[in-house]
């Protein structure tokens, strides 16, 4: 018999944003993030109450990320420079299994109305915390962007789903301070796409289900939409006043011509692809292959120079094709094939249609982000797949139970 999880795992998973934010201003960010991810994984294994059927479902889906990680390590070992791949943490990749597993457990054992609401609120405070670190000088926005990850864009569709005007508005405002065009673009997609899905086809069925599924407890201080709007405008005015220069810097980046390095990366990618496909060059070896052609440096969140020996591919799909080769491309295609199959099932099942809208939004946001940044280096690459597969198994079990009950009722009649 399935037991109720004994801990609020979604809250611990959401809090990883805060851990990553604080770890970024230390000298050992990778160690802290990996340690916290392992903690969440172990906590989930010990408290979620797996049954034999749960374990079978989990292990079935774990084969995909395991194949991805093992294959990438093998490709790197036989690639152009394994030592270079090790330097860029190819041997950290197995820890991605813990990350995938944590997201899977949240999707499998917890209803999304619980995990989603926690996540978008933590993501909003993460954004505010990031700007606070910039304000006090712990993060240098001249060297690394004020906010550079997928956290705000991933949270945006959730606020649309809940109809949370205040947090949704804050996320939009904070994204404009990020000094990162990709963050602004993906946040805009996270706002527009769910609204378009609402208006396309069966409007009432889509968001009517969402309102039914994601019921909220009565607020201690109930506010009308007008009051919420006034509060948002007030908070927005304060934030814009404090971070006005960062908003101007973000707007300026949209008009600046900064694609010279990206153009050089694209040309070198094509040159190297013709030479090394389909075998693959190995994890993060593009910098090794082009260090004498393209000069590039990266920095920690606090602005410290961490390397200057080559540029990483600022495109996840180029990374798969060149550094992973044909074996990784095949595995990634299998990932997305199963992901789309899960979305199709969820969208057709009325109680899960709201979740399907979120997953469609996440898919588009992550692909757009991956075309300009390193999606594969974020928690969301394996995390979104893990969450989707876990939720798919949960709803598949629910549909099976409903069909069984219906059959029994028909037999009794």
Protein backbone atom coordinates (compact mmCIF):
# COMPACT_ATOMS: atom_id res chain seq x y z
CA UNK A 1 0.00 0.00 0.00
CA UNK A 2 1.35 3.44 -0.98
CA UNK A 3 2.20 5.75 1.90
CA UNK A 4 2.13 9.53 1.90
CA UNK A 5 5.63 11.08 1.56
CA UNK A 6 6.89 12.12 4.98
CA UNK A 7 8.55 15.33 3.84
CA UNK A 8 7.84 18.32 1.59
CA UNK A 9 10.29 17.33 -1.14
CA UNK A 10 9.07 20.02 -3.60
CA UNK A 11 10.06 22.72 -1.11
CA UNK A 12 13.57 21.27 -0.76
CA UNK A 13 13.88 21.05 -4.54
CA UNK A 14 12.71 24.64 -5.01
CA UNK A 15 15.15 25.81 -2.33
CA UNK A 16 18.01 24.56 -4.55
CA UNK A 17 17.69 27.92 -6.35
CA UNK A 18 18.63 29.70 -3.14
CA UNK A 19 21.48 27.28 -2.48
CA UNK A 20 22.84 27.85 -5.98
CA UNK A 21 22.55 31.62 -5.56
CA UNK A 22 24.54 31.59 -2.32
CA UNK A 23 27.00 28.97 -3.59
CA UNK A 24 27.82 31.22 -6.54
CA UNK A 25 29.55 33.75 -4.30
CA UNK A 26 31.79 31.09 -2.72
CA UNK A 27 34.94 29.43 -4.01
CA UNK A 28 33.35 25.96 -4.14
CA UNK A 29 29.98 26.39 -5.91
CA UNK A 30 30.04 22.99 -7.64
CA UNK A 31 30.72 21.12 -4.41
CA UNK A 32 27.87 22.89 -2.61
CA UNK A 33 25.37 22.37 -5.42
CA UNK A 34 26.26 18.71 -5.90
CA UNK A 35 26.12 18.10 -2.15
CA UNK A 36 22.67 19.68 -1.88
CA UNK A 37 21.38 17.73 -4.89
CA UNK A 38 22.54 14.48 -3.30
CA UNK A 39 20.84 15.50 -0.05
CA UNK A 40 17.51 16.02 -1.87
CA UNK A 41 17.88 12.69 -3.66
CA UNK A 42 18.61 10.75 -0.46
CA UNK A 43 15.81 12.56 1.36
CA UNK A 44 13.36 11.59 -1.36
CA UNK A 45 14.44 7.95 -1.42
CA UNK A 46 14.08 7.69 2.36
CA UNK A 47 10.77 9.52 2.75
CA UNK A 48 8.67 8.97 -0.39
CA UNK A 49 7.70 5.37 0.38
CA UNK A 50 8.46 3.53 -2.86
CA UNK A 51 6.51 0.36 -3.62
CA UNK A 52 7.80 -2.37 -5.92
CA UNK A 53 5.79 -1.00 -8.85
CA UNK A 54 7.08 2.51 -8.11
CA UNK A 55 10.67 1.25 -8.24
CA UNK A 56 10.06 -0.52 -11.56
CA UNK A 57 8.62 2.63 -13.13
CA UNK A 58 11.46 4.74 -11.75
CA UNK A 59 14.21 2.40 -12.97
CA UNK A 60 12.62 2.23 -16.42
CA UNK A 61 12.90 5.98 -16.85
CA UNK A 62 16.30 6.19 -15.14
CA UNK A 63 17.77 4.20 -18.04
CA UNK A 64 17.54 7.25 -20.33
CA UNK A 65 19.63 9.73 -18.32
CA UNK A 66 22.01 6.90 -17.37
CA UNK A 67 22.53 6.11 -21.07
CA UNK A 68 23.06 9.80 -21.82
CA UNK A 69 25.67 10.24 -19.09
CA UNK A 70 27.55 6.98 -19.69
CA UNK A 71 27.63 7.59 -23.44
CA UNK A 72 28.94 11.14 -23.00
CA UNK A 73 31.71 9.92 -20.72
CA UNK A 74 32.70 7.21 -23.22
CA UNK A 75 32.63 9.68 -26.12
CA UNK A 76 34.78 12.05 -24.06
CA UNK A 77 37.26 9.29 -23.17
CA UNK A 78 37.82 8.52 -26.84
CA UNK A 79 37.49 12.16 -27.87
CA UNK A 80 40.11 14.78 -28.64
CA UNK A 81 41.24 15.46 -25.05
CA UNK A 82 39.75 13.56 -22.10
CA UNK A 83 41.82 15.58 -19.59
CA UNK A 84 40.16 18.75 -20.87
CA UNK A 85 36.72 17.17 -20.44
CA UNK A 86 37.66 16.16 -16.90
CA UNK A 87 38.72 19.73 -16.20
CA UNK A 88 35.24 20.83 -17.23
CA UNK A 89 33.59 18.31 -14.91
CA UNK A 90 32.62 15.45 -17.21
CA UNK A 91 33.07 13.18 -14.19
CA UNK A 92 30.44 15.22 -12.35
CA UNK A 93 27.84 14.08 -14.88
CA UNK A 94 26.73 10.97 -12.90
CA UNK A 95 25.43 13.33 -10.21
CA UNK A 96 22.86 14.35 -12.81
CA UNK A 97 21.11 11.05 -12.06
CA UNK A 98 20.35 12.34 -8.57
CA UNK A 99 18.97 15.55 -10.04
CA UNK A 100 16.79 13.66 -12.53
CA UNK A 101 15.59 11.37 -9.75
CA UNK A 102 14.63 14.25 -7.44
CA UNK A 103 12.51 15.87 -10.14
CA UNK A 104 10.99 12.48 -11.00
CA UNK A 105 9.98 11.90 -7.38
CA UNK A 106 8.39 15.35 -7.14
CA UNK A 107 6.39 14.68 -10.32
CA UNK A 108 5.46 11.16 -9.27
CA UNK A 109 4.60 11.51 -5.58
CA UNK A 110 3.30 15.09 -5.37
CA UNK A 111 0.45 16.85 -7.11
CA UNK A 112 1.61 19.78 -9.20
CA UNK A 113 -0.61 22.25 -7.37
CA UNK A 114 1.75 21.79 -4.42
CA UNK A 115 5.09 21.79 -6.22
CA UNK A 116 4.29 24.53 -8.74
CA UNK A 117 3.11 27.10 -6.23
CA UNK A 118 6.21 26.61 -4.07
CA UNK A 119 8.51 26.85 -7.05
CA UNK A 120 7.31 30.10 -8.59
CA UNK A 121 7.34 31.87 -5.23
CA UNK A 122 10.88 30.69 -4.45
CA UNK A 123 11.96 31.66 -7.98
CA UNK A 124 10.62 35.19 -7.45
CA UNK A 125 12.55 35.59 -4.20
CA UNK A 126 15.57 34.08 -5.96
CA UNK A 127 15.35 36.88 -8.52
CA UNK A 128 15.05 39.52 -5.82
CA UNK A 129 17.95 37.94 -3.95
CA UNK A 130 20.10 37.97 -7.08
CA UNK A 131 19.48 41.68 -7.55
CA UNK A 132 20.21 42.29 -3.87
CA UNK A 133 23.61 40.60 -4.26
CA UNK A 134 24.29 42.88 -7.22
CA UNK A 135 23.23 45.90 -5.19
CA UNK A 136 25.57 45.13 -2.28
CA UNK A 137 28.46 44.34 -4.62
CA UNK A 138 28.77 40.57 -4.10
CA UNK A 139 28.00 40.03 -7.80
CA UNK A 140 29.62 42.17 -10.49
CA UNK A 141 27.11 42.57 -13.35
CA UNK A 142 29.86 43.94 -15.60
CA UNK A 143 31.55 40.52 -15.57
CA UNK A 144 28.61 38.17 -15.18
CA UNK A 145 24.95 38.97 -15.71
CA UNK A 146 22.76 39.91 -12.75
CA UNK A 147 20.42 36.98 -13.53
CA UNK A 148 21.44 34.53 -16.22
CA UNK A 149 19.58 31.23 -15.77
CA UNK A 150 16.22 29.69 -16.63
CA UNK A 151 14.70 30.08 -13.18
CA UNK A 152 12.48 33.10 -13.88
CA UNK A 153 11.30 31.92 -17.33
CA UNK A 154 10.43 28.46 -15.97
CA UNK A 155 8.44 30.03 -13.12
CA UNK A 156 6.49 32.42 -15.37
CA UNK A 157 3.95 29.91 -16.80
CA UNK A 158 3.12 28.78 -13.27
CA UNK A 159 2.02 32.27 -12.28
CA UNK A 160 -0.18 32.38 -15.39
CA UNK A 161 -1.68 29.04 -14.40
CA UNK A 162 -2.48 30.23 -10.89
CA UNK A 163 -3.54 33.68 -12.07
CA UNK A 164 -1.09 35.22 -9.63
CA UNK A 165 -0.86 38.84 -10.75
CA UNK A 166 1.63 39.95 -8.09
CA UNK A 167 4.26 37.23 -8.46
CA UNK A 168 3.85 37.09 -12.25
CA UNK A 169 4.30 40.84 -12.53
CA UNK A 170 7.34 40.77 -10.24
CA UNK A 171 8.98 38.05 -12.33
CA UNK A 172 8.50 40.12 -15.50
CA UNK A 173 9.91 43.23 -13.82
CA UNK A 174 12.89 41.40 -12.31
CA UNK A 175 13.73 39.80 -15.66
CA UNK A 176 14.14 43.27 -17.16
CA UNK A 177 16.93 43.94 -14.63
CA UNK A 178 18.82 40.75 -15.59
CA UNK A 179 21.10 42.35 -18.24
CA UNK A 180 20.47 39.12 -20.15
CA UNK A 181 18.48 39.17 -23.39
CA UNK A 182 17.76 35.45 -23.24
CA UNK A 183 16.20 35.74 -19.79
CA UNK A 184 13.87 38.53 -20.95
CA UNK A 185 12.94 36.68 -24.15
CA UNK A 186 12.22 33.37 -22.40
CA UNK A 187 10.23 35.09 -19.64
CA UNK A 188 8.09 36.76 -22.31
CA UNK A 189 7.50 33.36 -23.91
CA UNK A 190 6.56 31.99 -20.49
CA UNK A 191 3.88 34.67 -20.25
CA UNK A 192 2.53 34.63 -23.80
CA UNK A 193 2.52 30.92 -24.62
CA UNK A 194 0.19 29.75 -21.80
CA UNK A 195 -2.18 32.59 -22.64
CA UNK A 196 -2.21 31.52 -26.29
CA UNK A 197 -2.87 27.93 -25.28
CA UNK A 198 -5.78 29.22 -23.22
CA UNK A 199 -7.31 30.96 -26.19
CA UNK A 200 -6.70 28.22 -28.73
CA UNK A 201 -9.36 25.58 -29.15
CA UNK A 202 -11.36 24.58 -26.07
CA UNK A 203 -10.81 27.62 -23.91
CA UNK A 204 -13.06 26.65 -21.04
CA UNK A 205 -11.84 23.08 -21.01
CA UNK A 206 -8.20 24.14 -20.76
CA UNK A 207 -8.29 26.81 -18.07
CA UNK A 208 -11.51 25.61 -16.53
CA UNK A 209 -9.61 22.45 -15.66
CA UNK A 210 -6.70 24.49 -14.41
CA UNK A 211 -8.89 26.46 -12.04
CA UNK A 212 -10.45 23.23 -10.80
CA UNK A 213 -7.22 21.33 -10.38
CA UNK A 214 -5.20 24.13 -8.84
CA UNK A 215 -7.59 25.24 -6.15
CA UNK A 216 -6.08 27.55 -3.57
CA UNK A 217 -6.87 27.85 0.09
CA UNK A 218 -8.72 31.00 1.09
CA UNK A 219 -6.21 33.77 1.71
CA UNK A 220 -5.88 35.17 5.20
CA UNK A 221 -5.86 38.66 3.65
CA UNK A 222 -8.12 38.39 0.57
CA UNK A 223 -7.42 41.06 -2.05
CA UNK A 224 -9.36 42.03 -5.15
CA UNK A 225 -7.62 42.24 -8.53
CA UNK A 226 -7.64 46.02 -8.23
CA UNK A 227 -5.82 45.95 -4.90
CA UNK A 228 -3.33 43.42 -6.27
CA UNK A 229 -2.70 45.60 -9.29
CA UNK A 230 -2.08 48.66 -7.10
CA UNK A 231 0.29 46.64 -4.91
CA UNK A 232 2.16 45.35 -7.97
CA UNK A 233 2.49 48.84 -9.44
CA UNK A 234 3.82 50.11 -6.10
CA UNK A 235 6.35 47.30 -5.75
CA UNK A 236 7.31 47.67 -9.40
CA UNK A 237 7.90 51.40 -9.01
CA UNK A 238 10.16 50.79 -6.01
CA UNK A 239 12.16 48.12 -7.83
CA UNK A 240 12.51 50.21 -10.99
CA UNK A 241 13.71 53.17 -8.94
CA UNK A 242 16.34 51.07 -7.17
CA UNK A 243 17.49 49.06 -10.21
CA UNK A 244 16.82 51.60 -12.97
CA UNK A 245 20.39 51.47 -14.29
CA UNK A 246 20.14 47.70 -14.74
CA UNK A 247 16.91 48.08 -16.69
CA UNK A 248 18.64 50.57 -19.01
CA UNK A 249 21.61 48.18 -19.37
CA UNK A 250 19.25 45.34 -20.34
CA UNK A 251 17.43 47.48 -22.90
CA UNK A 252 20.76 48.65 -24.32
CA UNK A 253 21.87 45.06 -24.86
CA UNK A 254 18.94 44.51 -27.23
CA UNK A 255 20.25 47.24 -29.52
CA UNK A 256 23.95 46.41 -29.16
CA UNK A 257 25.75 44.38 -31.80
CA UNK A 258 27.23 41.58 -29.69
CA UNK A 259 27.00 38.68 -32.11
CA UNK A 260 30.60 38.79 -33.38
CA UNK A 261 31.75 36.04 -31.00
CA UNK A 262 28.62 33.97 -31.62
CA UNK A 263 29.20 34.24 -35.37
CA UNK A 264 32.78 33.04 -34.95
CA UNK A 265 31.56 30.18 -32.75
CA UNK A 266 29.02 29.12 -35.39
CA UNK A 267 31.64 29.10 -38.17
CA UNK A 268 34.13 27.11 -36.08
CA UNK A 269 31.37 24.72 -35.05
CA UNK A 270 30.68 23.89 -38.71
CA UNK A 271 34.39 23.43 -39.42
CA UNK A 272 34.86 21.09 -36.47
CA UNK A 273 31.61 19.22 -37.16
CA UNK A 274 32.78 18.21 -40.63
CA UNK A 275 35.99 16.89 -39.10
CA UNK A 276 34.66 15.05 -36.04
CA UNK A 277 31.07 13.94 -36.71
CA UNK A 278 29.67 11.34 -35.97
CA UNK A 279 32.18 10.25 -33.30
CA UNK A 280 32.03 13.44 -31.22
CA UNK A 281 34.90 15.40 -29.69
CA UNK A 282 34.04 14.97 -26.01
CA UNK A 283 32.42 16.99 -23.26
CA UNK A 284 33.19 20.75 -23.47
CA UNK A 285 36.13 20.25 -25.84
CA UNK A 286 35.10 22.97 -28.28
CA UNK A 287 37.17 25.42 -26.24
CA UNK A 288 40.20 23.13 -26.54
CA UNK A 289 39.78 22.90 -30.32
CA UNK A 290 39.34 26.64 -30.84
CA UNK A 291 41.39 28.25 -28.07
CA UNK A 292 43.92 29.56 -30.60
CA UNK A 293 41.16 31.01 -32.78
CA UNK A 294 38.57 32.46 -30.36
CA UNK A 295 39.67 34.18 -27.15
CA UNK A 296 37.13 33.94 -24.37
CA UNK A 297 36.90 34.13 -20.58
CA UNK A 298 34.24 33.15 -18.07
CA UNK A 299 33.65 34.37 -14.53
CA UNK A 300 32.07 33.23 -11.28
CA UNK A 301 29.03 35.05 -9.92
CA UNK A 302 31.34 37.21 -7.81
CA UNK A 303 33.34 38.20 -10.89
CA UNK A 304 36.42 36.01 -10.41
CA UNK A 305 38.13 34.75 -13.57
CA UNK A 306 37.91 30.96 -13.61
CA UNK A 307 39.42 30.17 -17.00
CA UNK A 308 40.67 31.77 -20.14
CA UNK A 309 41.55 28.84 -22.35
CA UNK A 310 38.62 28.60 -24.72
CA UNK A 311 34.96 29.28 -25.34
CA UNK A 312 32.11 26.88 -24.64
CA UNK A 313 29.45 26.32 -27.26
CA UNK A 314 26.66 28.74 -26.37
CA UNK A 315 24.15 26.41 -27.97
CA UNK A 316 23.03 23.15 -26.41
CA UNK A 317 22.15 21.51 -29.71
CA UNK A 318 25.55 22.36 -31.20
CA UNK A 319 27.01 20.83 -28.03
CA UNK A 320 25.10 17.60 -28.63
CA UNK A 321 26.06 17.41 -32.31
CA UNK A 322 29.76 18.24 -32.05
CA UNK A 323 30.85 17.19 -28.57
CA UNK A 324 28.43 14.30 -28.15
CA UNK A 325 28.23 13.12 -31.73
CA UNK A 326 25.64 10.83 -33.24
CA UNK A 327 25.23 8.61 -30.13
CA UNK A 328 24.17 11.60 -27.99
CA UNK A 329 21.91 12.96 -30.72
CA UNK A 330 20.06 9.63 -30.83
CA UNK A 331 19.61 9.56 -27.05
CA UNK A 332 18.39 13.17 -26.94
CA UNK A 333 15.86 12.40 -29.70
CA UNK A 334 14.59 9.48 -27.59
CA UNK A 335 14.33 11.86 -24.60
CA UNK A 336 12.15 14.29 -26.54
CA UNK A 337 10.10 11.54 -28.20
CA UNK A 338 9.09 10.21 -24.77
CA UNK A 339 8.59 13.74 -23.48
CA UNK A 340 6.15 14.57 -26.28
CA UNK A 341 4.36 11.27 -25.75
CA UNK A 342 3.89 12.17 -22.08
CA UNK A 343 2.57 15.64 -22.95
CA UNK A 344 0.12 14.16 -25.47
CA UNK A 345 -1.24 11.77 -22.85
CA UNK A 346 -1.55 14.49 -20.20
CA UNK A 347 -3.21 16.97 -22.54
CA UNK A 348 -5.87 14.43 -23.49
CA UNK A 349 -6.65 13.62 -19.86
CA UNK A 350 -8.86 16.39 -18.51
CA UNK A 351 -7.48 16.68 -14.94
CA UNK A 352 -3.90 16.87 -16.29
CA UNK A 353 -4.49 19.42 -19.05
CA UNK A 354 -3.14 22.28 -16.93
CA UNK A 355 0.06 20.33 -16.30
CA UNK A 356 0.37 19.66 -20.04
CA UNK A 357 0.18 23.40 -20.71
CA UNK A 358 3.06 23.98 -18.31
CA UNK A 359 5.16 21.21 -19.87
CA UNK A 360 4.54 22.57 -23.39
CA UNK A 361 5.62 26.02 -22.17
CA UNK A 362 8.69 24.60 -20.44
CA UNK A 363 9.63 22.70 -23.58
CA UNK A 364 9.49 25.79 -25.81
CA UNK A 365 11.26 27.98 -23.24
CA UNK A 366 14.08 25.47 -22.71
CA UNK A 367 14.60 24.91 -26.44
CA UNK A 368 14.78 28.67 -27.11
CA UNK A 369 17.16 29.08 -24.18
CA UNK A 370 19.26 26.15 -25.43
CA UNK A 371 19.66 27.80 -28.83
CA UNK A 372 21.53 30.70 -27.22
CA UNK A 373 22.85 29.31 -23.92
CA UNK A 374 23.96 26.08 -22.26
CA UNK A 375 20.70 24.39 -21.33
CA UNK A 376 22.58 21.11 -20.76
CA UNK A 377 24.50 22.79 -17.95
CA UNK A 378 21.38 23.70 -15.97
CA UNK A 379 19.23 21.69 -13.55
CA UNK A 380 16.34 21.97 -15.98
CA UNK A 381 17.66 19.80 -18.82
CA UNK A 382 17.35 16.50 -16.98
CA UNK A 383 14.98 17.99 -14.38
CA UNK A 384 12.11 18.80 -16.75
CA UNK A 385 12.31 15.34 -18.29
CA UNK A 386 12.32 13.75 -14.84
CA UNK A 387 9.31 15.75 -13.68
CA UNK A 388 7.35 15.02 -16.87
CA UNK A 389 8.04 11.28 -16.75
CA UNK A 390 7.15 11.10 -13.05
CA UNK A 391 3.87 12.98 -13.54
CA UNK A 392 3.09 10.84 -16.59
CA UNK A 393 3.43 7.65 -14.53
CA UNK A 394 1.27 9.12 -11.75
CA UNK A 395 -1.55 10.09 -14.07
CA UNK A 396 -1.27 6.85 -16.03
CA UNK A 397 -1.81 4.98 -12.76
CA UNK A 398 -4.77 7.25 -12.00
CA UNK A 399 -6.38 6.61 -15.39
CA UNK A 400 -5.91 2.87 -14.94
CA UNK A 401 -7.59 3.02 -11.51
CA UNK A 402 -10.51 5.03 -12.92
CA UNK A 403 -11.03 2.53 -15.73
CA UNK A 404 -10.98 -0.31 -13.22
CA UNK A 405 -13.61 1.39 -11.04
CA UNK A 406 -15.76 2.10 -14.10
CA UNK A 407 -15.56 -1.54 -15.19
CA UNK A 408 -16.54 -2.71 -11.73
CA UNK A 409 -19.54 -0.35 -11.66
CA UNK A 410 -20.66 -1.60 -15.06
CA UNK A 411 -20.38 -5.20 -13.92
CA UNK A 412 -22.48 -4.44 -10.84
CA UNK A 413 -25.18 -2.94 -13.01
